[in-house]
PDB file of N, CA and C in Angstrom:
ATOM      1  N   MET A   1     -18.067   5.662   1.889  1.00  0.00           N
ATOM      2  CA  MET A   1     -18.406   4.571   2.771  1.00  0.00           C
ATOM      3  C   MET A   1     -16.474   3.891   2.618  1.00  0.00           C
ATOM      4  N   PRO A   2     -16.169   3.623   4.048  1.00  0.00           N
ATOM      5  CA  PRO A   2     -14.784   3.212   3.863  1.00  0.00           C
ATOM      6  C   PRO A   2     -14.354   1.880   2.996  1.00  0.00           C
ATOM      7  N   PRO A   3     -13.465   0.992   2.721  1.00  0.00           N
ATOM      8  CA  PRO A   3     -13.871  -0.449   2.481  1.00  0.00           C
ATOM      9  C   PRO A   3     -14.012  -1.251   3.218  1.00  0.00           C
ATOM     10  N   ARG A   4     -14.233  -2.678   2.905  1.00  0.00           N
ATOM     11  CA  ARG A   4     -14.681  -3.412   4.055  1.00  0.00           C
ATOM     12  C   ARG A   4     -13.525  -4.009   4.536  1.00  0.00           C
ATOM     13  N   ARG A   5     -12.859  -4.397   5.705  1.00  0.00           N
ATOM     14  CA  ARG A   5     -11.756  -4.763   6.157  1.00  0.00           C
ATOM     15  C   ARG A   5     -11.978  -6.428   6.004  1.00  0.00           C
ATOM     16  N   ARG A   6     -11.103  -6.971   5.565  1.00  0.00           N
ATOM     17  CA  ARG A   6     -10.569  -8.676   5.270  1.00  0.00           C
ATOM     18  C   ARG A   6      -9.209  -8.854   6.437  1.00  0.00           C
ATOM     19  N   THR A   7      -8.822  -7.887   6.861  1.00  0.00           N
ATOM     20  CA  THR A   7      -7.788  -8.288   7.498  1.00  0.00           C
ATOM     21  C   THR A   7      -7.992  -7.402   9.155  1.00  0.00           C
ATOM     22  N   PRO A   8      -8.335  -8.321  10.099  1.00  0.00           N
ATOM     23  CA  PRO A   8      -8.431  -7.823  11.328  1.00  0.00           C
ATOM     24  C   PRO A   8      -7.332  -6.431  12.034  1.00  0.00           C
ATOM     25  N   VAL A   9      -7.438  -5.806  12.147  1.00  0.00           N
ATOM     26  CA  VAL A   9      -6.640  -4.984  12.821  1.00  0.00           C
ATOM     27  C   VAL A   9      -5.714  -5.133  13.527  1.00  0.00           C
ATOM     28  N   ASP A  10      -6.340  -6.378  14.790  1.00  0.00           N
ATOM     29  CA  ASP A  10      -4.699  -6.349  15.358  1.00  0.00           C
ATOM     30  C   ASP A  10      -3.760  -7.327  14.410  1.00  0.00           C
ATOM     31  N   ALA A  11      -4.771  -8.236  13.957  1.00  0.00           N
ATOM     32  CA  ALA A  11      -3.531  -9.276  13.209  1.00  0.00           C
ATOM     33  C   ALA A  11      -2.746  -8.668  12.355  1.00  0.00           C
ATOM     34  N   GLY A  12      -3.153  -7.623  11.759  1.00  0.00           N
ATOM     35  CA  GLY A  12      -2.373  -6.530  10.568  1.00  0.00           C
ATOM     36  C   GLY A  12      -1.710  -5.677  11.584  1.00  0.00           C
ATOM     37  N   ARG A  13      -2.086  -5.153  12.562  1.00  0.00           N
ATOM     38  CA  ARG A  13      -0.596  -4.694  13.579  1.00  0.00           C
ATOM     39  C   ARG A  13       0.290  -5.639  14.007  1.00  0.00           C
ATOM     40  N   ALA A  14      -0.187  -6.550  14.474  1.00  0.00           N
ATOM     41  CA  ALA A  14       1.153  -7.398  14.549  1.00  0.00           C
ATOM     42  C   ALA A  14       2.434  -7.862  13.519  1.00  0.00           C
ATOM     43  N   ALA A  15       1.605  -8.252  11.988  1.00  0.00           N
ATOM     44  CA  ALA A  15       2.197  -8.817  11.305  1.00  0.00           C
ATOM     45  C   ALA A  15       3.104  -7.494  11.118  1.00  0.00           C
ATOM     46  N   LEU A  16       2.433  -6.248  11.030  1.00  0.00           N
ATOM     47  CA  LEU A  16       3.829  -4.876  10.916  1.00  0.00           C
ATOM     48  C   LEU A  16       4.482  -4.859  11.817  1.00  0.00           C
ATOM     49  N   GLN A  17       4.699  -5.304  13.063  1.00  0.00           N
ATOM     50  CA  GLN A  17       5.156  -4.664  13.674  1.00  0.00           C
ATOM     51  C   GLN A  17       6.592  -5.906  13.882  1.00  0.00           C
ATOM     52  N   ALA A  18       5.861  -7.200  13.427  1.00  0.00           N
ATOM     53  CA  ALA A  18       6.611  -8.366  13.123  1.00  0.00           C
ATOM     54  C   ALA A  18       7.800  -7.945  12.289  1.00  0.00           C
ATOM     55  N   CYS A  19       7.220  -7.572  10.895  1.00  0.00           N
ATOM     56  CA  CYS A  19       8.039  -7.121   9.903  1.00  0.00           C
ATOM     57  C   CYS A  19       9.495  -6.085  10.128  1.00  0.00           C
ATOM     58  N   ARG A  20       8.771  -5.036  10.710  1.00  0.00           N
ATOM     59  CA  ARG A  20       9.524  -4.045  11.482  1.00  0.00           C
ATOM     60  C   ARG A  20      11.067  -4.636  12.276  1.00  0.00           C
ATOM     61  N   ALA A  21      10.389  -5.071  13.071  1.00  0.00           N
ATOM     62  CA  ALA A  21      11.522  -6.103  13.841  1.00  0.00           C
ATOM     63  C   ALA A  21      12.256  -6.904  13.754  1.00  0.00           C
ATOM     64  N   ALA A  22      11.726  -7.332  12.164  1.00  0.00           N
ATOM     65  CA  ALA A  22      12.987  -8.437  11.627  1.00  0.00           C
ATOM     66  C   ALA A  22      13.524  -7.551  10.534  1.00  0.00           C
ATOM     67  N   ASP A  23      13.637  -6.187  10.134  1.00  0.00           N
ATOM     68  CA  ASP A  23      13.549  -5.684   8.999  1.00  0.00           C
ATOM     69  C   ASP A  23      13.539  -5.975   7.811  1.00  0.00           C
ATOM     70  N   PHE A  24      11.861  -6.142   8.050  1.00  0.00           N
ATOM     71  CA  PHE A  24      10.725  -7.020   7.224  1.00  0.00           C
ATOM     72  C   PHE A  24      11.641  -8.320   6.177  1.00  0.00           C
ATOM     73  N   THR A  25      12.118  -9.289   6.939  1.00  0.00           N
ATOM     74  CA  THR A  25      12.639 -10.378   6.404  1.00  0.00           C
ATOM     75  C   THR A  25      11.815 -11.439   7.200  1.00  0.00           C
ATOM     76  N   VAL A  26      10.395 -11.713   6.702  1.00  0.00           N
ATOM     77  CA  VAL A  26       9.739 -12.841   7.774  1.00  0.00           C
ATOM     78  C   VAL A  26       9.287 -13.697   6.612  1.00  0.00           C
ATOM     79  N   ASP A  27       8.369 -14.130   7.717  1.00  0.00           N
ATOM     80  CA  ASP A  27       7.955 -15.575   6.843  1.00  0.00           C
ATOM     81  C   ASP A  27       6.616 -15.111   5.890  1.00  0.00           C
ATOM     82  N   ARG A  28       6.575 -15.650   4.966  1.00  0.00           N
ATOM     83  CA  ARG A  28       5.325 -15.043   3.893  1.00  0.00           C
ATOM     84  C   ARG A  28       3.901 -15.201   4.265  1.00  0.00           C
ATOM     85  N   SER A  29       3.473 -15.307   5.010  1.00  0.00           N
ATOM     86  CA  SER A  29       2.319 -15.296   5.980  1.00  0.00           C
ATOM     87  C   SER A  29       2.098 -13.897   6.230  1.00  0.00           C
ATOM     88  N   THR A  30       3.395 -13.957   7.317  1.00  0.00           N
ATOM     89  CA  THR A  30       3.334 -12.458   8.377  1.00  0.00           C
ATOM     90  C   THR A  30       3.504 -11.413   7.232  1.00  0.00           C
ATOM     91  N   LEU A  31       4.327 -11.744   6.138  1.00  0.00           N
ATOM     92  CA  LEU A  31       4.854 -10.202   4.899  1.00  0.00           C
ATOM     93  C   LEU A  31       2.951 -10.295   4.461  1.00  0.00           C
ATOM     94  N   ALA A  32       2.712 -11.312   4.196  1.00  0.00           N
ATOM     95  CA  ALA A  32       1.029 -10.794   3.040  1.00  0.00           C
ATOM     96  C   ALA A  32      -0.031 -10.279   4.200  1.00  0.00           C
ATOM     97  N   THR A  33      -0.299 -10.854   5.618  1.00  0.00           N
ATOM     98  CA  THR A  33      -0.888 -10.044   6.034  1.00  0.00           C
ATOM     99  C   THR A  33      -0.457  -8.556   6.711  1.00  0.00           C
ATOM    100  N   ALA A  34       0.617  -8.234   6.329  1.00  0.00           N
ATOM    101  CA  ALA A  34       1.679  -7.380   6.658  1.00  0.00           C
ATOM    102  C   ALA A  34       0.757  -6.130   5.198  1.00  0.00           C
ATOM    103  N   VAL A  35       0.939  -6.408   4.279  1.00  0.00           N
ATOM    104  CA  VAL A  35       0.686  -6.227   3.102  1.00  0.00           C
ATOM    105  C   VAL A  35      -0.598  -5.871   3.348  1.00  0.00           C
ATOM    106  N   ARG A  36      -1.411  -6.481   3.376  1.00  0.00           N
ATOM    107  CA  ARG A  36      -2.764  -6.925   3.020  1.00  0.00           C
ATOM    108  C   ARG A  36      -3.255  -5.262   3.892  1.00  0.00           C
ATOM    109  N   TYR A  37      -3.036  -5.656   5.165  1.00  0.00           N
ATOM    110  CA  TYR A  37      -3.752  -4.746   6.302  1.00  0.00           C
ATOM    111  C   TYR A  37      -3.143  -3.242   5.796  1.00  0.00           C
ATOM    112  N   THR A  38      -1.701  -2.654   5.330  1.00  0.00           N
ATOM    113  CA  THR A  38      -1.501  -1.647   4.950  1.00  0.00           C
ATOM    114  C   THR A  38      -1.888  -1.308   3.887  1.00  0.00           C
ATOM    115  N   LEU A  39      -2.157  -1.797   3.013  1.00  0.00           N
ATOM    116  CA  LEU A  39      -3.612  -1.427   1.823  1.00  0.00           C
ATOM    117  C   LEU A  39      -5.036  -1.480   1.770  1.00  0.00           C
ATOM    118  N   GLU A  40      -5.411  -2.115   3.358  1.00  0.00           N
ATOM    119  CA  GLU A  40      -6.683  -1.638   3.797  1.00  0.00           C
ATOM    120  C   GLU A  40      -6.545  -0.129   4.148  1.00  0.00           C
ATOM    121  N   GLU A  41      -5.424  -0.225   5.000  1.00  0.00           N
ATOM    122  CA  GLU A  41      -5.291   1.287   5.908  1.00  0.00           C
ATOM    123  C   GLU A  41      -5.095   3.002   4.581  1.00  0.00           C
ATOM    124  N   LEU A  42      -4.629   2.374   3.727  1.00  0.00           N
ATOM    125  CA  LEU A  42      -4.158   2.962   2.642  1.00  0.00           C
ATOM    126  C   LEU A  42      -5.494   3.922   2.241  1.00  0.00           C
ATOM    127  N   ALA A  43      -6.558   2.570   1.216  1.00  0.00           N
ATOM    128  CA  ALA A  43      -7.905   2.747   1.166  1.00  0.00           C
ATOM    129  C   ALA A  43      -9.124   3.266   2.265  1.00  0.00           C
ATOM    130  N   THR A  44      -8.520   3.269   3.168  1.00  0.00           N
ATOM    131  CA  THR A  44      -9.578   3.874   4.497  1.00  0.00           C
ATOM    132  C   THR A  44      -8.936   5.373   4.807  1.00  0.00           C
ATOM    133  N   VAL A  45      -7.722   5.327   4.403  1.00  0.00           N
ATOM    134  CA  VAL A  45      -6.914   7.258   4.777  1.00  0.00           C
ATOM    135  C   VAL A  45      -7.292   7.823   3.419  1.00  0.00           C
ATOM    136  N   ALA A  46      -7.612   7.154   2.243  1.00  0.00           N
ATOM    137  CA  ALA A  46      -7.681   8.021   0.739  1.00  0.00           C
ATOM    138  C   ALA A  46      -8.566   7.237   0.010  1.00  0.00           C
ATOM    139  N   PRO A  47     -10.154   6.898   0.765  1.00  0.00           N
ATOM    140  CA  PRO A  47     -11.125   6.625  -0.114  1.00  0.00           C
ATOM    141  C   PRO A  47     -11.034   6.795  -1.880  1.00  0.00           C
ATOM    142  N   GLY A  48     -11.515   5.658  -2.784  1.00  0.00           N
ATOM    143  CA  GLY A  48     -12.040   6.355  -4.137  1.00  0.00           C
ATOM    144  C   GLY A  48     -11.509   4.927  -5.001  1.00  0.00           C
ATOM    145  N   ARG A  49     -11.740   5.057  -6.055  1.00  0.00           N
ATOM    146  CA  ARG A  49     -11.473   3.932  -6.887  1.00  0.00           C
ATOM    147  C   ARG A  49     -10.890   4.822  -7.912  1.00  0.00           C
ATOM    148  N   THR A  50      -9.892   5.883  -7.990  1.00  0.00           N
ATOM    149  CA  THR A  50      -9.281   6.456  -9.139  1.00  0.00           C
ATOM    150  C   THR A  50      -7.622   5.700  -9.087  1.00  0.00           C
ATOM    151  N   VAL A  51      -7.256   5.631  -8.542  1.00  0.00           N
ATOM    152  CA  VAL A  51      -5.446   4.804  -8.399  1.00  0.00           C
ATOM    153  C   VAL A  51      -5.903   3.451  -8.320  1.00  0.00           C
ATOM    154  N   GLU A  52      -5.080   2.417  -8.332  1.00  0.00           N
ATOM    155  CA  GLU A  52      -5.072   1.203  -8.114  1.00  0.00           C
ATOM    156  C   GLU A  52      -3.885   0.854  -7.629  1.00  0.00           C
ATOM    157  N   VAL A  53      -3.063   0.364  -6.220  1.00  0.00           N
ATOM    158  CA  VAL A  53      -1.904  -0.037  -5.784  1.00  0.00           C
ATOM    159  C   VAL A  53      -1.771  -1.121  -5.784  1.00  0.00           C
ATOM    160  N   ARG A  54      -0.975  -1.962  -6.516  1.00  0.00           N
ATOM    161  CA  ARG A  54      -0.610  -3.222  -6.804  1.00  0.00           C
ATOM    162  C   ARG A  54       0.491  -3.663  -5.996  1.00  0.00           C
ATOM    163  N   VAL A  55       0.285  -4.895  -4.702  1.00  0.00           N
ATOM    164  CA  VAL A  55       1.595  -5.678  -3.870  1.00  0.00           C
ATOM    165  C   VAL A  55       1.287  -7.151  -4.405  1.00  0.00           C
ATOM    166  N   PRO A  56       2.017  -7.347  -5.764  1.00  0.00           N
ATOM    167  CA  PRO A  56       1.954  -8.745  -6.103  1.00  0.00           C
ATOM    168  C   PRO A  56       2.997  -9.357  -5.458  1.00  0.00           C
ATOM    169  N   PRO A  57       2.458 -10.904  -4.723  1.00  0.00           N
ATOM    170  CA  PRO A  57       1.036 -11.316  -5.017  1.00  0.00           C
ATOM    171  C   PRO A  57       0.477 -11.284  -3.958  1.00  0.00           C
ATOM    172  N   PHE A  58       0.368 -10.534  -3.186  1.00  0.00           N
ATOM    173  CA  PHE A  58      -0.772 -10.073  -1.825  1.00  0.00           C
ATOM    174  C   PHE A  58      -1.815  -9.583  -1.802  1.00  0.00           C
ATOM    175  N   GLY A  59      -1.616  -8.496  -2.633  1.00  0.00           N
ATOM    176  CA  GLY A  59      -2.709  -7.732  -2.887  1.00  0.00           C
ATOM    177  C   GLY A  59      -2.440  -6.714  -3.855  1.00  0.00           C
ATOM    178  N   ALA A  60      -4.180  -5.850  -3.782  1.00  0.00           N
ATOM    179  CA  ALA A  60      -4.132  -4.058  -4.584  1.00  0.00           C
ATOM    180  C   ALA A  60      -5.027  -3.637  -3.772  1.00  0.00           C
ATOM    181  N   ALA A  61      -5.220  -2.452  -3.885  1.00  0.00           N
ATOM    182  CA  ALA A  61      -6.214  -1.488  -3.359  1.00  0.00           C
ATOM    183  C   ALA A  61      -6.428  -0.860  -4.505  1.00  0.00           C
ATOM    184  N   GLN A  62      -7.997   0.300  -4.220  1.00  0.00           N
ATOM    185  CA  GLN A  62      -8.056   1.365  -5.171  1.00  0.00           C
ATOM    186  C   GLN A  62      -8.146   2.182  -4.425  1.00  0.00           C
ATOM    187  N   CYS A  63      -7.976   3.268  -4.356  1.00  0.00           N
ATOM    188  CA  CYS A  63      -7.781   4.583  -3.424  1.00  0.00           C
ATOM    189  C   CYS A  63      -8.379   5.818  -4.427  1.00  0.00           C
ATOM    190  N   ILE A  64      -7.990   7.277  -3.741  1.00  0.00           N
ATOM    191  CA  ILE A  64      -8.389   8.062  -4.103  1.00  0.00           C
ATOM    192  C   ILE A  64      -9.573   9.007  -4.793  1.00  0.00           C
ATOM    193  N   GLU A  65     -10.133   9.679  -4.277  1.00  0.00           N
ATOM    194  CA  GLU A  65     -11.139   9.847  -5.054  1.00  0.00           C
ATOM    195  C   GLU A  65     -11.074  10.634  -6.384  1.00  0.00           C
ATOM    196  N   GLY A  66     -12.228  10.238  -7.222  1.00  0.00           N
ATOM    197  CA  GLY A  66     -11.515  10.932  -8.829  1.00  0.00           C
ATOM    198  C   GLY A  66     -12.602  10.336  -9.403  1.00  0.00           C
ATOM    199  N   PRO A  67     -12.154  10.367 -10.749  1.00  0.00           N
ATOM    200  CA  PRO A  67     -12.962   9.524 -12.009  1.00  0.00           C
ATOM    201  C   PRO A  67     -12.730   8.033 -11.712  1.00  0.00           C
ATOM    202  N   VAL A  68     -14.184   7.561 -11.830  1.00  0.00           N
ATOM    203  CA  VAL A  68     -13.803   5.961 -11.163  1.00  0.00           C
ATOM    204  C   VAL A  68     -13.693   5.315 -12.445  1.00  0.00           C
ATOM    205  N   HIS A  69     -12.943   4.060 -12.477  1.00  0.00           N
ATOM    206  CA  HIS A  69     -12.608   3.003 -13.384  1.00  0.00           C
ATOM    207  C   HIS A  69     -13.506   2.075 -13.377  1.00  0.00           C
ATOM    208  N   ARG A  70     -13.828   1.208 -14.329  1.00  0.00           N
ATOM    209  CA  ARG A  70     -14.826   0.019 -14.260  1.00  0.00           C
ATOM    210  C   ARG A  70     -14.541  -1.084 -15.111  1.00  0.00           C
ATOM    211  N   ARG A  71     -13.239  -0.920 -15.974  1.00  0.00           N
ATOM    212  CA  ARG A  71     -13.201  -2.179 -16.947  1.00  0.00           C
ATOM    213  C   ARG A  71     -12.057  -2.341 -17.695  1.00  0.00           C
ATOM    214  N   GLY A  72     -11.262  -3.491 -17.270  1.00  0.00           N
ATOM    215  CA  GLY A  72      -9.581  -3.519 -18.288  1.00  0.00           C
ATOM    216  C   GLY A  72      -9.220  -2.551 -16.972  1.00  0.00           C
ATOM    217  N   THR A  73      -7.854  -2.495 -18.137  1.00  0.00           N
ATOM    218  CA  THR A  73      -6.581  -2.149 -16.736  1.00  0.00           C
ATOM    219  C   THR A  73      -6.908  -0.583 -16.361  1.00  0.00           C
ATOM    220  N   PRO A  74      -7.205  -0.392 -14.854  1.00  0.00           N
ATOM    221  CA  PRO A  74      -6.919   1.293 -14.718  1.00  0.00           C
ATOM    222  C   PRO A  74      -6.030   2.101 -15.499  1.00  0.00           C
ATOM    223  N   PRO A  75      -6.725   3.333 -15.480  1.00  0.00           N
ATOM    224  CA  PRO A  75      -5.453   4.015 -16.075  1.00  0.00           C
ATOM    225  C   PRO A  75      -4.595   5.034 -15.658  1.00  0.00           C
ATOM    226  N   ASN A  76      -4.486   4.371 -13.935  1.00  0.00           N
ATOM    227  CA  ASN A  76      -3.415   5.129 -13.059  1.00  0.00           C
ATOM    228  C   ASN A  76      -3.195   3.790 -11.891  1.00  0.00           C
ATOM    229  N   VAL A  77      -1.779   3.343 -12.252  1.00  0.00           N
ATOM    230  CA  VAL A  77      -1.599   2.164 -11.687  1.00  0.00           C
ATOM    231  C   VAL A  77      -0.265   2.464 -10.503  1.00  0.00           C
ATOM    232  N   ILE A  78      -0.274   1.805  -9.511  1.00  0.00           N
ATOM    233  CA  ILE A  78       1.160   1.709  -8.926  1.00  0.00           C
ATOM    234  C   ILE A  78       1.530   0.491  -8.490  1.00  0.00           C
ATOM    235  N   GLU A  79       2.689  -0.028  -9.029  1.00  0.00           N
ATOM    236  CA  GLU A  79       3.143  -1.585  -8.691  1.00  0.00           C
ATOM    237  C   GLU A  79       4.515  -1.161  -8.073  1.00  0.00           C
ATOM    238  N   THR A  80       4.406  -2.297  -6.948  1.00  0.00           N
ATOM    239  CA  THR A  80       5.450  -2.203  -6.148  1.00  0.00           C
ATOM    240  C   THR A  80       5.836  -3.798  -5.539  1.00  0.00           C
ATOM    241  N   ASP A  81       6.926  -3.743  -5.459  1.00  0.00           N
ATOM    242  CA  ASP A  81       7.240  -4.937  -3.948  1.00  0.00           C
ATOM    243  C   ASP A  81       6.819  -4.955  -2.896  1.00  0.00           C
ATOM    244  N   ALA A  82       6.450  -6.081  -1.949  1.00  0.00           N
ATOM    245  CA  ALA A  82       6.007  -6.063  -0.721  1.00  0.00           C
ATOM    246  C   ALA A  82       6.993  -4.982   0.097  1.00  0.00           C
ATOM    247  N   ASP A  83       8.477  -5.491   0.274  1.00  0.00           N
ATOM    248  CA  ASP A  83       9.408  -4.725   0.792  1.00  0.00           C
ATOM    249  C   ASP A  83       9.250  -3.337   1.284  1.00  0.00           C
ATOM    250  N   THR A  84       9.193  -3.015  -0.413  1.00  0.00           N
ATOM    251  CA  THR A  84       9.273  -1.371  -1.119  1.00  0.00           C
ATOM    252  C   THR A  84       7.908  -0.855  -0.539  1.00  0.00           C
ATOM    253  N   TRP A  85       6.636  -1.543  -0.705  1.00  0.00           N
ATOM    254  CA  TRP A  85       5.587  -0.779  -0.165  1.00  0.00           C
ATOM    255  C   TRP A  85       5.659  -0.870   1.198  1.00  0.00           C
ATOM    256  N   LEU A  86       5.881  -1.877   2.113  1.00  0.00           N
ATOM    257  CA  LEU A  86       5.781  -1.881   3.506  1.00  0.00           C
ATOM    258  C   LEU A  86       7.071  -0.526   3.770  1.00  0.00           C
ATOM    259  N   ARG A  87       7.704  -0.791   3.242  1.00  0.00           N
ATOM    260  CA  ARG A  87       8.725   0.418   4.055  1.00  0.00           C
ATOM    261  C   ARG A  87       8.081   2.074   3.544  1.00  0.00           C
ATOM    262  N   LEU A  88       7.564   2.567   2.354  1.00  0.00           N
ATOM    263  CA  LEU A  88       7.103   3.393   2.293  1.00  0.00           C
ATOM    264  C   LEU A  88       5.637   3.905   3.522  1.00  0.00           C
ATOM    265  N   ALA A  89       4.865   2.350   3.532  1.00  0.00           N
ATOM    266  CA  ALA A  89       3.375   2.688   4.566  1.00  0.00           C
ATOM    267  C   ALA A  89       4.265   3.340   5.707  1.00  0.00           C
ATOM    268  N   VAL A  90       5.573   2.711   6.152  1.00  0.00           N
ATOM    269  CA  VAL A  90       5.778   3.250   7.484  1.00  0.00           C
ATOM    270  C   VAL A  90       6.649   4.512   7.406  1.00  0.00           C
ATOM    271  N   GLY A  91       7.021   5.055   6.371  1.00  0.00           N
ATOM    272  CA  GLY A  91       7.856   6.063   6.320  1.00  0.00           C
ATOM    273  C   GLY A  91       9.711   5.570   6.661  1.00  0.00           C
ATOM    274  N   ASP A  92      10.040   4.020   5.986  1.00  0.00           N
ATOM    275  CA  ASP A  92      11.403   4.187   6.203  1.00  0.00           C
ATOM    276  C   ASP A  92      12.110   4.411   4.931  1.00  0.00           C
ATOM    277  N   LEU A  93      11.111   4.546   3.809  1.00  0.00           N
ATOM    278  CA  LEU A  93      11.029   5.129   2.484  1.00  0.00           C
ATOM    279  C   LEU A  93      10.839   6.647   2.213  1.00  0.00           C
ATOM    280  N   SER A  94      11.034   6.940   1.479  1.00  0.00           N
ATOM    281  CA  SER A  94      10.234   8.624   0.859  1.00  0.00           C
ATOM    282  C   SER A  94       9.495   7.493  -0.290  1.00  0.00           C
ATOM    283  N   TRP A  95       8.191   8.442  -1.208  1.00  0.00           N
ATOM    284  CA  TRP A  95       8.115   8.103  -2.219  1.00  0.00           C
ATOM    285  C   TRP A  95       8.967   8.643  -3.396  1.00  0.00           C
ATOM    286  N   GLU A  96       9.466   9.703  -3.119  1.00  0.00           N
ATOM    287  CA  GLU A  96      10.439  10.268  -4.038  1.00  0.00           C
ATOM    288  C   GLU A  96      11.495   9.531  -4.140  1.00  0.00           C
ATOM    289  N   ASP A  97      12.176   8.653  -3.042  1.00  0.00           N
ATOM    290  CA  ASP A  97      13.206   7.781  -3.184  1.00  0.00           C
ATOM    291  C   ASP A  97      13.092   6.584  -3.825  1.00  0.00           C
ATOM    292  N   ALA A  98      11.593   6.150  -3.475  1.00  0.00           N
ATOM    293  CA  ALA A  98      11.565   4.593  -4.649  1.00  0.00           C
ATOM    294  C   ALA A  98      11.134   5.033  -5.847  1.00  0.00           C
ATOM    295  N   VAL A  99      10.625   6.093  -5.970  1.00  0.00           N
ATOM    296  CA  VAL A  99      10.532   6.486  -7.375  1.00  0.00           C
ATOM    297  C   VAL A  99      12.132   6.422  -8.323  1.00  0.00           C
ATOM    298  N   ASP A 100      12.290   7.355  -7.526  1.00  0.00           N
ATOM    299  CA  ASP A 100      13.766   7.784  -8.181  1.00  0.00           C
ATOM    300  C   ASP A 100      14.745   6.497  -8.330  1.00  0.00           C
ATOM    301  N   ALA A 101      14.556   5.356  -7.129  1.00  0.00           N
ATOM    302  CA  ALA A 101      15.204   4.093  -7.156  1.00  0.00           C
ATOM    303  C   ALA A 101      14.767   3.507  -8.403  1.00  0.00           C
ATOM    304  N   ALA A 102      13.726   3.124  -9.025  1.00  0.00           N
ATOM    305  CA  ALA A 102      13.074   2.355 -10.000  1.00  0.00           C
ATOM    306  C   ALA A 102      12.142   1.158  -9.185  1.00  0.00           C
ATOM    307  N   ARG A 103      11.815   1.605  -7.541  1.00  0.00           N
ATOM    308  CA  ARG A 103      11.515   0.595  -7.174  1.00  0.00           C
ATOM    309  C   ARG A 103       9.922   0.390  -7.125  1.00  0.00           C
ATOM    310  N   VAL A 104       9.578   1.452  -7.522  1.00  0.00           N
ATOM    311  CA  VAL A 104       8.001   1.484  -8.129  1.00  0.00           C
ATOM    312  C   VAL A 104       7.790   2.005  -9.461  1.00  0.00           C
ATOM    313  N   ARG A 105       6.678   1.834  -9.744  1.00  0.00           N
ATOM    314  CA  ARG A 105       6.345   1.780 -11.004  1.00  0.00           C
ATOM    315  C   ARG A 105       5.206   1.915 -11.239  1.00  0.00           C
ATOM    316  N   ALA A 106       4.947   3.501 -11.800  1.00  0.00           N
ATOM    317  CA  ALA A 106       3.789   4.205 -11.828  1.00  0.00           C
ATOM    318  C   ALA A 106       3.168   4.605 -13.322  1.00  0.00           C
ATOM    319  N   SER A 107       1.969   4.540 -13.204  1.00  0.00           N
ATOM    320  CA  SER A 107       1.410   4.769 -14.842  1.00  0.00           C
ATOM    321  C   SER A 107       0.233   5.640 -14.469  1.00  0.00           C
ATOM    322  N   GLY A 108       0.185   6.262 -15.020  1.00  0.00           N
ATOM    323  CA  GLY A 108      -1.270   7.882 -15.456  1.00  0.00           C
ATOM    324  C   GLY A 108      -0.739   8.333 -14.504  1.00  0.00           C
ATOM    325  N   GLN A 109      -1.318   9.824 -14.903  1.00  0.00           N
ATOM    326  CA  GLN A 109      -1.512  11.220 -14.717  1.00  0.00           C
ATOM    327  C   GLN A 109      -1.585  11.118 -12.976  1.00  0.00           C
ATOM    328  N   ARG A 110      -2.959  10.318 -12.139  1.00  0.00           N
ATOM    329  CA  ARG A 110      -2.579  10.207 -11.054  1.00  0.00           C
ATOM    330  C   ARG A 110      -2.000   9.416 -10.478  1.00  0.00           C
ATOM    331  N   ALA A 111      -1.482   8.758 -10.583  1.00  0.00           N
ATOM    332  CA  ALA A 111      -0.544   7.937 -10.204  1.00  0.00           C
ATOM    333  C   ALA A 111       0.767   8.007  -9.121  1.00  0.00           C
ATOM    334  N   HIS A 112       0.641   8.379  -8.147  1.00  0.00           N
ATOM    335  CA  HIS A 112       1.284   8.654  -6.909  1.00  0.00           C
ATOM    336  C   HIS A 112       0.864   8.656  -5.850  1.00  0.00           C
ATOM    337  N   LEU A 113       1.486   8.946  -4.581  1.00  0.00           N
ATOM    338  CA  LEU A 113       1.016   8.512  -3.389  1.00  0.00           C
ATOM    339  C   LEU A 113       1.644   9.554  -2.543  1.00  0.00           C
ATOM    340  N   ASP A 114       2.646  10.726  -3.290  1.00  0.00           N
ATOM    341  CA  ASP A 114       3.064  11.984  -2.815  1.00  0.00           C
ATOM    342  C   ASP A 114       2.139  12.102  -1.689  1.00  0.00           C
ATOM    343  N   GLY A 115       2.379  12.435  -0.443  1.00  0.00           N
ATOM    344  CA  GLY A 115       1.484  13.131   0.738  1.00  0.00           C
ATOM    345  C   GLY A 115       0.849  12.026   1.699  1.00  0.00           C
ATOM    346  N   LEU A 116       0.657  11.320   0.740  1.00  0.00           N
ATOM    347  CA  LEU A 116       0.069  10.088   1.304  1.00  0.00           C
ATOM    348  C   LEU A 116       0.617   9.295   2.589  1.00  0.00           C
ATOM    349  N   LEU A 117       1.954   9.294   2.126  1.00  0.00           N
ATOM    350  CA  LEU A 117       2.675   7.926   2.844  1.00  0.00           C
ATOM    351  C   LEU A 117       3.960   8.908   3.409  1.00  0.00           C
ATOM    352  N   PRO A 118       3.980   8.838   4.154  1.00  0.00           N
ATOM    353  CA  PRO A 118       4.301   7.949   5.077  1.00  0.00           C
ATOM    354  C   PRO A 118       2.349   7.973   5.882  1.00  0.00           C
ATOM    355  N   LEU A 119       1.707   6.337   6.073  1.00  0.00           N
ATOM    356  CA  LEU A 119       0.357   5.956   6.471  1.00  0.00           C
ATOM    357  C   LEU A 119       0.333   7.126   8.219  1.00  0.00           C
ATOM    358  N   ARG A 120      -0.016   8.042   8.682  1.00  0.00           N
ATOM    359  CA  ARG A 120      -0.036   8.181   9.660  1.00  0.00           C
ATOM    360  C   ARG A 120      -0.803   7.082  10.644  1.00  0.00           C
ATOM    361  N   SER A 121      -1.629   6.858  10.560  1.00  0.00           N
ATOM    362  CA  SER A 121      -1.947   5.256  10.896  1.00  0.00           C
ATOM    363  C   SER A 121      -1.788   4.230  11.397  1.00  0.00           C
ATOM    364  N   LEU A 122      -0.258   4.551  11.292  1.00  0.00           N
ATOM    365  CA  LEU A 122       0.303   3.142  11.527  1.00  0.00           C
ATOM    366  C   LEU A 122       1.406   3.248  12.110  1.00  0.00           C
ATOM    367  N   THR A 123       1.296   4.759  13.101  1.00  0.00           N
ATOM    368  CA  THR A 123       2.457   4.944  14.181  1.00  0.00           C
ATOM    369  C   THR A 123       2.128   3.624  14.919  1.00  0.00           C
ATOM    370  N   LEU A 124       3.588   2.908  15.180  1.00  0.00           N
ATOM    371  CA  LEU A 124       3.386   2.207  16.484  1.00  0.00           C
ATOM    372  C   LEU A 124       4.172   2.514  17.358  1.00  0.00           C
TER     373      LEU A 124
END
């Protein structure tokens, strides 16, 4: 079952377009909406609860099918900043380049999004 959306699709797409048009230097509210929308897109494209993707302070999403984590710190965690996350989500930055540049912190055997990013549903 796909996750429940908290960010309206139209608002999320508009925020993401505004971010891309301004080279990801927008007000905090627009940035937060774009991040939350793209995290929800990831959870829709790769449903599951094996990997937790965190983009503090704006949001987090669980994704990818496999063993389910229920309590404490998940074994597979990916964390990055908003700018890096959005660039990964739309394809302006590759997963490999982000990891090599230490722009992504990933811990756990399944903590990778290679092959899922960019999110094809975000073609604008």
